[in-house]
Amino acid sequence: MIREPLPRDPLFSIFDRLEENNETGWAYEAQHQKNEIACVIVNFRVEKGWSQQELADYLGVSQSMISKYESGDYNFSIESLNRISSKIGLKTEIRLVKPDAGTSSEIIVRSDV
């Protein structure tokens, strides 16, 4: 019996279709960027051994706001992103690149070091 090749992982196919559609592609890209920022914030907090409340006190926001940051459920303004980045010893860089150049807009948060 000849078997058909296994299809590509269905989850990746869904992501491919989302990215191809401009409307959902933008939403997908925005959520991806928020998730990347969330990972940076979570990693900082975990490395410090802090609770969400301790990080909230340090940043001057509520614990529920930290929860939103860390869940990727917060639309950061440039000002809030810069404030958070500087408080945790990082620098925010935002690049806007033409999609035909091989990449889309991206937000990079990295250390100043």
N, C-alpha and C. Protein backbone atom coordinates (compact mmCIF):
# COMPACT_ATOMS: atom_id res chain seq x y z
N MET A 1 0.83 -1.17 0.00
CA MET A 1 0.00 0.00 0.00
C MET A 1 0.89 1.25 0.00
N ILE A 2 0.63 2.13 -0.91
CA ILE A 2 1.38 3.40 -1.00
C ILE A 2 0.69 4.42 -0.12
N ARG A 3 1.48 5.01 0.73
CA ARG A 3 0.93 6.01 1.65
C ARG A 3 1.22 7.41 1.12
N GLU A 4 0.25 8.25 1.31
CA GLU A 4 0.42 9.66 0.98
C GLU A 4 1.37 10.29 2.00
N PRO A 5 2.17 11.25 1.59
CA PRO A 5 3.02 11.92 2.58
C PRO A 5 2.12 12.61 3.61
N LEU A 6 2.62 12.62 4.83
CA LEU A 6 1.87 13.28 5.89
C LEU A 6 1.74 14.76 5.60
N PRO A 7 0.56 15.31 5.84
CA PRO A 7 0.42 16.76 5.62
C PRO A 7 1.23 17.52 6.65
N ARG A 8 1.54 18.73 6.30
CA ARG A 8 2.23 19.62 7.22
C ARG A 8 1.37 19.80 8.45
N ASP A 9 1.99 20.04 9.56
CA ASP A 9 1.26 20.23 10.81
C ASP A 9 0.11 21.22 10.58
N PRO A 10 -1.12 20.82 10.92
CA PRO A 10 -2.27 21.68 10.67
C PRO A 10 -2.17 23.05 11.31
N LEU A 11 -1.53 23.14 12.47
CA LEU A 11 -1.39 24.42 13.13
C LEU A 11 -0.56 25.38 12.29
N PHE A 12 0.53 24.87 11.69
CA PHE A 12 1.34 25.73 10.84
C PHE A 12 0.56 26.18 9.61
N SER A 13 -0.27 25.32 9.07
CA SER A 13 -1.09 25.69 7.92
C SER A 13 -2.04 26.82 8.27
N ILE A 14 -2.61 26.75 9.46
CA ILE A 14 -3.51 27.83 9.90
C ILE A 14 -2.73 29.13 10.01
N PHE A 15 -1.54 29.08 10.62
CA PHE A 15 -0.73 30.29 10.75
C PHE A 15 -0.35 30.85 9.38
N ASP A 16 -0.01 29.97 8.44
CA ASP A 16 0.32 30.42 7.09
C ASP A 16 -0.85 31.17 6.46
N ARG A 17 -2.05 30.62 6.60
CA ARG A 17 -3.23 31.27 6.02
C ARG A 17 -3.51 32.61 6.71
N LEU A 18 -3.33 32.66 8.02
CA LEU A 18 -3.54 33.91 8.74
C LEU A 18 -2.58 34.99 8.26
N GLU A 19 -1.33 34.61 8.06
CA GLU A 19 -0.33 35.57 7.63
C GLU A 19 -0.57 36.05 6.20
N GLU A 20 -1.14 35.20 5.36
CA GLU A 20 -1.39 35.57 3.98
C GLU A 20 -2.52 36.58 3.85
N ASN A 21 -3.47 36.57 4.76
CA ASN A 21 -4.59 37.48 4.74
C ASN A 21 -4.16 38.77 5.42
N ASN A 22 -4.21 39.90 4.70
CA ASN A 22 -3.73 41.17 5.27
C ASN A 22 -4.39 41.52 6.59
N GLU A 23 -5.70 41.39 6.64
CA GLU A 23 -6.44 41.76 7.85
C GLU A 23 -6.00 40.92 9.04
N THR A 24 -6.04 39.62 8.91
CA THR A 24 -5.64 38.76 10.02
C THR A 24 -4.12 38.70 10.16
N GLY A 25 -3.41 38.91 9.08
CA GLY A 25 -1.95 38.92 9.13
C GLY A 25 -1.43 40.01 10.03
N TRP A 26 -2.02 41.18 9.94
CA TRP A 26 -1.61 42.29 10.80
C TRP A 26 -1.91 41.98 12.25
N ALA A 27 -3.10 41.42 12.50
CA ALA A 27 -3.47 41.08 13.87
C ALA A 27 -2.55 39.99 14.42
N TYR A 28 -2.24 39.01 13.58
CA TYR A 28 -1.33 37.94 13.99
C TYR A 28 0.04 38.52 14.32
N GLU A 29 0.55 39.40 13.48
CA GLU A 29 1.87 40.00 13.70
C GLU A 29 1.87 40.84 14.97
N ALA A 30 0.81 41.61 15.20
CA ALA A 30 0.73 42.43 16.41
C ALA A 30 0.72 41.55 17.65
N GLN A 31 -0.04 40.47 17.63
CA GLN A 31 -0.09 39.58 18.79
C GLN A 31 1.26 38.92 19.01
N HIS A 32 1.92 38.55 17.92
CA HIS A 32 3.26 37.95 18.02
C HIS A 32 4.22 38.92 18.70
N GLN A 33 4.16 40.20 18.33
CA GLN A 33 5.03 41.20 18.93
C GLN A 33 4.71 41.39 20.41
N LYS A 34 3.43 41.42 20.75
CA LYS A 34 3.06 41.56 22.17
C LYS A 34 3.54 40.36 22.97
N ASN A 35 3.48 39.18 22.37
CA ASN A 35 3.95 37.98 23.07
C ASN A 35 5.46 38.02 23.29
N GLU A 36 6.20 38.55 22.33
CA GLU A 36 7.64 38.68 22.49
C GLU A 36 7.97 39.64 23.64
N ILE A 37 7.25 40.74 23.71
CA ILE A 37 7.45 41.70 24.80
C ILE A 37 7.10 41.04 26.13
N ALA A 38 6.01 40.29 26.15
CA ALA A 38 5.59 39.59 27.36
C ALA A 38 6.70 38.66 27.86
N CYS A 39 7.33 37.95 26.95
CA CYS A 39 8.42 37.02 27.33
C CYS A 39 9.58 37.77 27.96
N VAL A 40 9.91 38.94 27.43
CA VAL A 40 11.00 39.74 28.00
C VAL A 40 10.65 40.14 29.43
N ILE A 41 9.42 40.58 29.65
CA ILE A 41 9.00 41.02 30.98
C ILE A 41 8.99 39.84 31.96
N VAL A 42 8.43 38.71 31.53
CA VAL A 42 8.39 37.52 32.39
C VAL A 42 9.81 37.08 32.74
N ASN A 43 10.69 37.03 31.74
CA ASN A 43 12.07 36.60 31.99
C ASN A 43 12.77 37.51 32.99
N PHE A 44 12.56 38.83 32.85
CA PHE A 44 13.16 39.77 33.80
C PHE A 44 12.67 39.47 35.22
N ARG A 45 11.35 39.32 35.36
CA ARG A 45 10.78 39.09 36.69
C ARG A 45 11.27 37.79 37.30
N VAL A 46 11.31 36.73 36.49
CA VAL A 46 11.74 35.42 36.98
C VAL A 46 13.22 35.45 37.36
N GLU A 47 14.05 36.11 36.54
CA GLU A 47 15.48 36.21 36.86
C GLU A 47 15.70 36.94 38.19
N LYS A 48 14.85 37.91 38.49
CA LYS A 48 14.95 38.64 39.76
C LYS A 48 14.36 37.84 40.92
N GLY A 49 13.58 36.81 40.61
CA GLY A 49 12.91 36.04 41.65
C GLY A 49 11.74 36.79 42.26
N TRP A 50 11.14 37.70 41.48
CA TRP A 50 10.07 38.55 41.96
C TRP A 50 8.71 37.96 41.63
N SER A 51 7.74 38.32 42.46
CA SER A 51 6.34 38.03 42.16
C SER A 51 5.84 39.12 41.21
N GLN A 52 4.65 38.92 40.67
CA GLN A 52 4.06 39.97 39.84
C GLN A 52 3.86 41.25 40.66
N GLN A 53 3.49 41.10 41.93
CA GLN A 53 3.28 42.28 42.78
C GLN A 53 4.58 43.05 42.99
N GLU A 54 5.67 42.32 43.20
CA GLU A 54 6.96 42.99 43.39
C GLU A 54 7.37 43.75 42.12
N LEU A 55 7.15 43.15 40.96
CA LEU A 55 7.46 43.85 39.71
C LEU A 55 6.54 45.05 39.54
N ALA A 56 5.27 44.89 39.88
CA ALA A 56 4.32 46.00 39.78
C ALA A 56 4.78 47.17 40.66
N ASP A 57 5.19 46.88 41.89
CA ASP A 57 5.68 47.93 42.78
C ASP A 57 6.90 48.62 42.18
N TYR A 58 7.80 47.85 41.60
CA TYR A 58 9.02 48.39 41.00
C TYR A 58 8.69 49.31 39.81
N LEU A 59 7.71 48.90 38.99
CA LEU A 59 7.36 49.67 37.80
C LEU A 59 6.33 50.76 38.09
N GLY A 60 5.72 50.71 39.28
CA GLY A 60 4.72 51.72 39.62
C GLY A 60 3.37 51.49 38.95
N VAL A 61 3.03 50.24 38.76
CA VAL A 61 1.73 49.88 38.17
C VAL A 61 1.06 48.84 39.06
N SER A 62 -0.16 48.46 38.74
CA SER A 62 -0.86 47.46 39.52
C SER A 62 -0.43 46.05 39.12
N GLN A 63 -0.68 45.11 40.01
CA GLN A 63 -0.37 43.71 39.71
C GLN A 63 -1.20 43.22 38.53
N SER A 64 -2.45 43.70 38.42
CA SER A 64 -3.29 43.28 37.29
C SER A 64 -2.72 43.78 35.96
N MET A 65 -2.04 44.93 35.99
CA MET A 65 -1.39 45.43 34.77
C MET A 65 -0.23 44.53 34.39
N ILE A 66 0.54 44.08 35.37
CA ILE A 66 1.64 43.16 35.08
C ILE A 66 1.08 41.88 34.47
N SER A 67 -0.04 41.42 34.98
CA SER A 67 -0.69 40.23 34.43
C SER A 67 -1.05 40.44 32.96
N LYS A 68 -1.57 41.62 32.63
CA LYS A 68 -1.89 41.93 31.23
C LYS A 68 -0.62 41.97 30.38
N TYR A 69 0.44 42.62 30.90
CA TYR A 69 1.71 42.66 30.17
C TYR A 69 2.18 41.24 29.85
N GLU A 70 2.18 40.40 30.87
CA GLU A 70 2.76 39.06 30.75
C GLU A 70 1.90 38.10 29.95
N SER A 71 0.63 38.39 29.81
CA SER A 71 -0.24 37.51 29.03
C SER A 71 -0.27 37.91 27.56
N GLY A 72 0.37 39.01 27.22
CA GLY A 72 0.33 39.50 25.84
C GLY A 72 -1.01 40.16 25.53
N ASP A 73 -1.70 40.60 26.57
CA ASP A 73 -3.04 41.16 26.44
C ASP A 73 -3.03 42.67 26.67
N TYR A 74 -1.96 43.34 26.29
CA TYR A 74 -1.85 44.77 26.51
C TYR A 74 -1.27 45.42 25.27
N ASN A 75 -1.91 46.49 24.81
CA ASN A 75 -1.40 47.25 23.66
C ASN A 75 -0.48 48.35 24.19
N PHE A 76 0.80 48.10 24.11
CA PHE A 76 1.79 49.05 24.63
C PHE A 76 1.85 50.30 23.77
N SER A 77 1.90 51.45 24.42
CA SER A 77 2.23 52.67 23.70
C SER A 77 3.76 52.71 23.63
N ILE A 78 4.26 53.51 22.76
CA ILE A 78 5.72 53.65 22.67
C ILE A 78 6.27 54.18 23.99
N GLU A 79 5.54 55.12 24.58
CA GLU A 79 5.99 55.71 25.84
C GLU A 79 6.05 54.65 26.95
N SER A 80 4.98 53.83 27.06
CA SER A 80 4.99 52.83 28.14
C SER A 80 6.06 51.77 27.89
N LEU A 81 6.27 51.41 26.65
CA LEU A 81 7.30 50.43 26.33
C LEU A 81 8.68 50.97 26.65
N ASN A 82 8.92 52.24 26.33
CA ASN A 82 10.21 52.86 26.66
C ASN A 82 10.41 52.96 28.17
N ARG A 83 9.34 53.31 28.91
CA ARG A 83 9.44 53.42 30.37
C ARG A 83 9.76 52.07 31.00
N ILE A 84 9.05 51.04 30.57
CA ILE A 84 9.29 49.70 31.11
C ILE A 84 10.69 49.24 30.76
N SER A 85 11.08 49.41 29.51
CA SER A 85 12.40 48.98 29.06
C SER A 85 13.52 49.63 29.86
N SER A 86 13.41 50.94 30.06
CA SER A 86 14.48 51.62 30.80
C SER A 86 14.52 51.17 32.26
N LYS A 87 13.35 50.90 32.85
CA LYS A 87 13.32 50.45 34.25
C LYS A 87 13.93 49.07 34.42
N ILE A 88 13.87 48.23 33.38
CA ILE A 88 14.43 46.88 33.51
C ILE A 88 15.79 46.76 32.80
N GLY A 89 16.39 47.91 32.50
CA GLY A 89 17.74 47.93 31.95
C GLY A 89 17.85 47.55 30.50
N LEU A 90 16.78 47.81 29.73
CA LEU A 90 16.80 47.48 28.32
C LEU A 90 16.54 48.73 27.48
N LYS A 91 16.73 48.58 26.20
CA LYS A 91 16.50 49.66 25.24
C LYS A 91 15.48 49.16 24.23
N THR A 92 14.52 49.99 23.87
CA THR A 92 13.52 49.63 22.88
C THR A 92 13.96 50.14 21.51
N GLU A 93 13.88 49.28 20.52
CA GLU A 93 14.13 49.68 19.14
C GLU A 93 12.94 49.24 18.32
N ILE A 94 12.42 50.15 17.51
CA ILE A 94 11.30 49.83 16.64
C ILE A 94 11.75 50.07 15.21
N ARG A 95 11.59 49.05 14.39
CA ARG A 95 11.98 49.17 12.99
C ARG A 95 10.76 48.94 12.11
N LEU A 96 10.60 49.78 11.12
CA LEU A 96 9.57 49.59 10.12
C LEU A 96 10.28 49.29 8.80
N VAL A 97 10.01 48.12 8.26
CA VAL A 97 10.71 47.66 7.07
C VAL A 97 9.68 47.25 6.04
N LYS A 98 9.93 47.54 4.79
CA LYS A 98 9.00 47.11 3.74
C LYS A 98 8.91 45.59 3.72
N PRO A 99 7.69 45.06 3.63
CA PRO A 99 7.53 43.60 3.62
C PRO A 99 8.29 42.91 2.49
N ASP A 100 8.43 43.58 1.35
CA ASP A 100 9.13 42.93 0.24
C ASP A 100 10.64 42.86 0.47
N ALA A 101 11.11 43.48 1.53
CA ALA A 101 12.53 43.41 1.88
C ALA A 101 12.81 42.14 2.68
N GLY A 102 11.80 41.30 2.85
CA GLY A 102 12.01 40.03 3.53
C GLY A 102 11.60 40.01 4.98
N THR A 103 11.16 41.15 5.49
CA THR A 103 10.73 41.19 6.88
C THR A 103 9.66 42.26 7.05
N SER A 104 8.87 42.14 8.07
CA SER A 104 7.84 43.13 8.34
C SER A 104 8.28 44.00 9.50
N SER A 105 7.36 44.86 9.96
CA SER A 105 7.72 45.70 11.09
C SER A 105 8.02 44.83 12.29
N GLU A 106 8.90 45.28 13.13
CA GLU A 106 9.25 44.49 14.30
C GLU A 106 9.60 45.40 15.45
N ILE A 107 9.43 44.88 16.61
CA ILE A 107 9.83 45.59 17.83
C ILE A 107 10.92 44.77 18.47
N ILE A 108 12.01 45.41 18.78
CA ILE A 108 13.14 44.71 19.38
C ILE A 108 13.39 45.33 20.75
N VAL A 109 13.44 44.51 21.74
CA VAL A 109 13.79 44.99 23.08
C VAL A 109 15.08 44.26 23.45
N ARG A 110 16.13 45.01 23.69
CA ARG A 110 17.39 44.37 24.04
C ARG A 110 18.15 45.23 25.04
N SER A 111 19.15 44.63 25.62
CA SER A 111 19.89 45.35 26.65
C SER A 111 20.78 46.41 26.00
N ASP A 112 21.06 47.44 26.77
CA ASP A 112 21.94 48.52 26.30
C ASP A 112 23.39 48.08 26.27
N VAL A 113 23.69 46.98 26.91
CA VAL A 113 25.07 46.53 27.03
C VAL A 113 25.61 46.06 25.72
